[in-house]
Structures are given as structure tokens and as C-alpha cells.
Amino acid sequence: MLGAGILLAATISFAKPNEQGLNTTGSYRFSRNPMYVGYFVYFLGCAILLGSFFYYGALVLFQIATHWVILAEERWCSATFGETYDEYQQQVKRYL
């Protein structure tokens, strides 16, 4: 439930970017990637409930792949939003 709540909050925040198109309010004040955090918490909860090593392994692979996607997204955001995003990066952590 926690993961689903984080995802909902992140989705609502994502729908309300500033005039430049950058999301820095709502859940984006606490994490630059709240949707990915929500997915991780949700999938972790599923793995715990199912008690399956397969799902724990899938979660690790998911997080590794997601991290590489996030690094690419950060390069794009830095190129697109410039100094505004760079300052945001210094103020808000990547995950938590």
C-alpha cells in the first residue's frame, strides 16, 4: 500500500510541472525520482508477501536497470533545463 501511495502522489505531482516543464514540487521536493521509489517499494512489498527469491532477484535486476534509465534521464534533464536542473540536483537527492 505504501508503494501505491507513493506512486499516486508522484503521478499527481508529475502532472503539475512548472512553466519550464520541470517538476520540483509535491513529492519531487523529496526525491528526483519518486515514481521509481514508489515502484521499488511496491515491488519490494510484493516480494515480501510472496516470499519468493525469484521476486527478490527480479527486484534487484529491476533496480539496476532503473538506475541506468535514471542516469540517462538526468543527462537529458541537465541538457534540457540547464542550470535550473543542476541546482535542483544539488538540492534534492536522486532517490531519498
Protein backbone atom coordinates (compact mmCIF):
# COMPACT_ATOMS: atom_id res chain seq x y z
CA MET A 1 0.00 0.00 0.00
CA LEU A 2 2.87 2.37 0.77
CA GLY A 3 4.34 1.89 -2.71
CA ALA A 4 0.97 2.52 -4.35
CA GLY A 5 0.54 5.69 -2.28
CA ILE A 6 3.98 6.96 -3.29
CA LEU A 7 3.16 6.25 -6.94
CA LEU A 8 -0.14 8.11 -6.69
CA ALA A 9 1.48 11.15 -5.09
CA ALA A 10 4.27 11.14 -7.69
CA THR A 11 1.80 10.87 -10.57
CA ILE A 12 -0.22 13.81 -9.26
CA SER A 13 2.95 15.88 -8.84
CA PHE A 14 4.21 14.86 -12.30
CA ALA A 15 1.03 16.24 -13.88
CA LYS A 16 1.81 19.71 -12.49
CA PRO A 17 5.21 20.86 -13.81
CA ASN A 18 6.37 24.46 -13.57
CA GLU A 19 6.33 26.85 -16.53
CA GLN A 20 9.60 25.36 -17.83
CA GLY A 21 8.16 21.85 -17.72
CA LEU A 22 10.25 20.74 -14.71
CA ASN A 23 8.67 19.02 -11.70
CA THR A 24 10.09 20.30 -8.41
CA THR A 25 7.03 20.42 -6.15
CA GLY A 26 4.92 17.82 -4.38
CA SER A 27 6.77 14.54 -3.98
CA TYR A 28 9.52 15.89 -6.25
CA ARG A 29 10.64 18.10 -3.33
CA PHE A 30 11.87 14.95 -1.56
CA SER A 31 13.10 12.79 -4.44
CA ARG A 32 14.04 13.48 -8.04
CA ASN A 33 12.54 10.08 -8.89
CA PRO A 34 9.53 9.46 -6.65
CA MET A 35 7.80 7.23 -9.20
CA TYR A 36 10.77 4.88 -9.30
CA VAL A 37 10.90 4.91 -5.50
CA GLY A 38 7.21 4.02 -5.45
CA TYR A 39 7.72 1.15 -7.89
CA PHE A 40 10.62 -0.17 -5.81
CA VAL A 41 8.62 -0.07 -2.56
CA TYR A 42 5.61 -1.67 -4.27
CA PHE A 43 7.66 -4.49 -5.80
CA LEU A 44 9.56 -5.00 -2.54
CA GLY A 45 6.23 -5.40 -0.75
CA CYS A 46 5.15 -7.97 -3.35
CA ALA A 47 8.42 -9.89 -2.92
CA ILE A 48 8.00 -9.90 0.86
CA LEU A 49 4.37 -11.04 0.66
CA LEU A 50 5.21 -13.81 -1.81
CA GLY A 51 8.41 -14.78 -0.01
CA SER A 52 10.00 -15.76 -3.29
CA PHE A 53 13.70 -15.50 -4.04
CA PHE A 54 12.74 -15.17 -7.69
CA TYR A 55 10.91 -11.89 -6.94
CA TYR A 56 13.79 -10.60 -4.82
CA GLY A 57 16.13 -11.32 -7.73
CA ALA A 58 13.74 -9.64 -10.16
CA LEU A 59 13.63 -6.62 -7.84
CA VAL A 60 17.42 -6.35 -7.86
CA LEU A 61 17.51 -6.56 -11.67
CA PHE A 62 14.69 -4.03 -11.92
CA GLN A 63 16.57 -1.59 -9.70
CA ILE A 64 19.82 -1.97 -11.63
CA ALA A 65 18.03 -1.36 -14.95
CA THR A 66 16.07 1.53 -13.47
CA HIS A 67 19.24 3.18 -12.19
CA TRP A 68 20.70 3.19 -15.72
CA VAL A 69 17.47 4.71 -17.07
CA ILE A 70 17.58 7.38 -14.37
CA LEU A 71 21.18 8.29 -15.25
CA ALA A 72 20.12 8.78 -18.89
CA GLU A 73 17.10 10.84 -17.83
CA GLU A 74 19.32 13.04 -15.67
CA ARG A 75 21.63 13.75 -18.60
CA TRP A 76 18.59 14.70 -20.71
CA CYS A 77 17.17 16.93 -17.97
CA SER A 78 20.51 18.65 -17.48
CA ALA A 79 20.79 19.31 -21.22
CA THR A 80 17.16 20.45 -21.47
CA PHE A 81 16.74 22.52 -18.29
CA GLY A 82 20.36 23.58 -17.79
CA GLU A 83 21.35 25.37 -14.62
CA THR A 84 17.84 25.12 -13.17
CA TYR A 85 18.04 21.33 -13.16
CA ASP A 86 21.63 21.32 -11.96
CA GLU A 87 20.62 23.39 -8.91
CA TYR A 88 17.63 21.08 -8.33
CA GLN A 89 20.00 18.10 -8.48
CA GLN A 90 22.14 19.63 -5.74
CA GLN A 91 19.13 20.31 -3.51
CA VAL A 92 17.13 17.07 -3.91
CA LYS A 93 18.50 13.53 -3.66
CA ARG A 94 18.17 11.08 -6.51
CA TYR A 95 16.10 8.58 -4.52
CA LEU A 96 15.53 9.59 -0.89
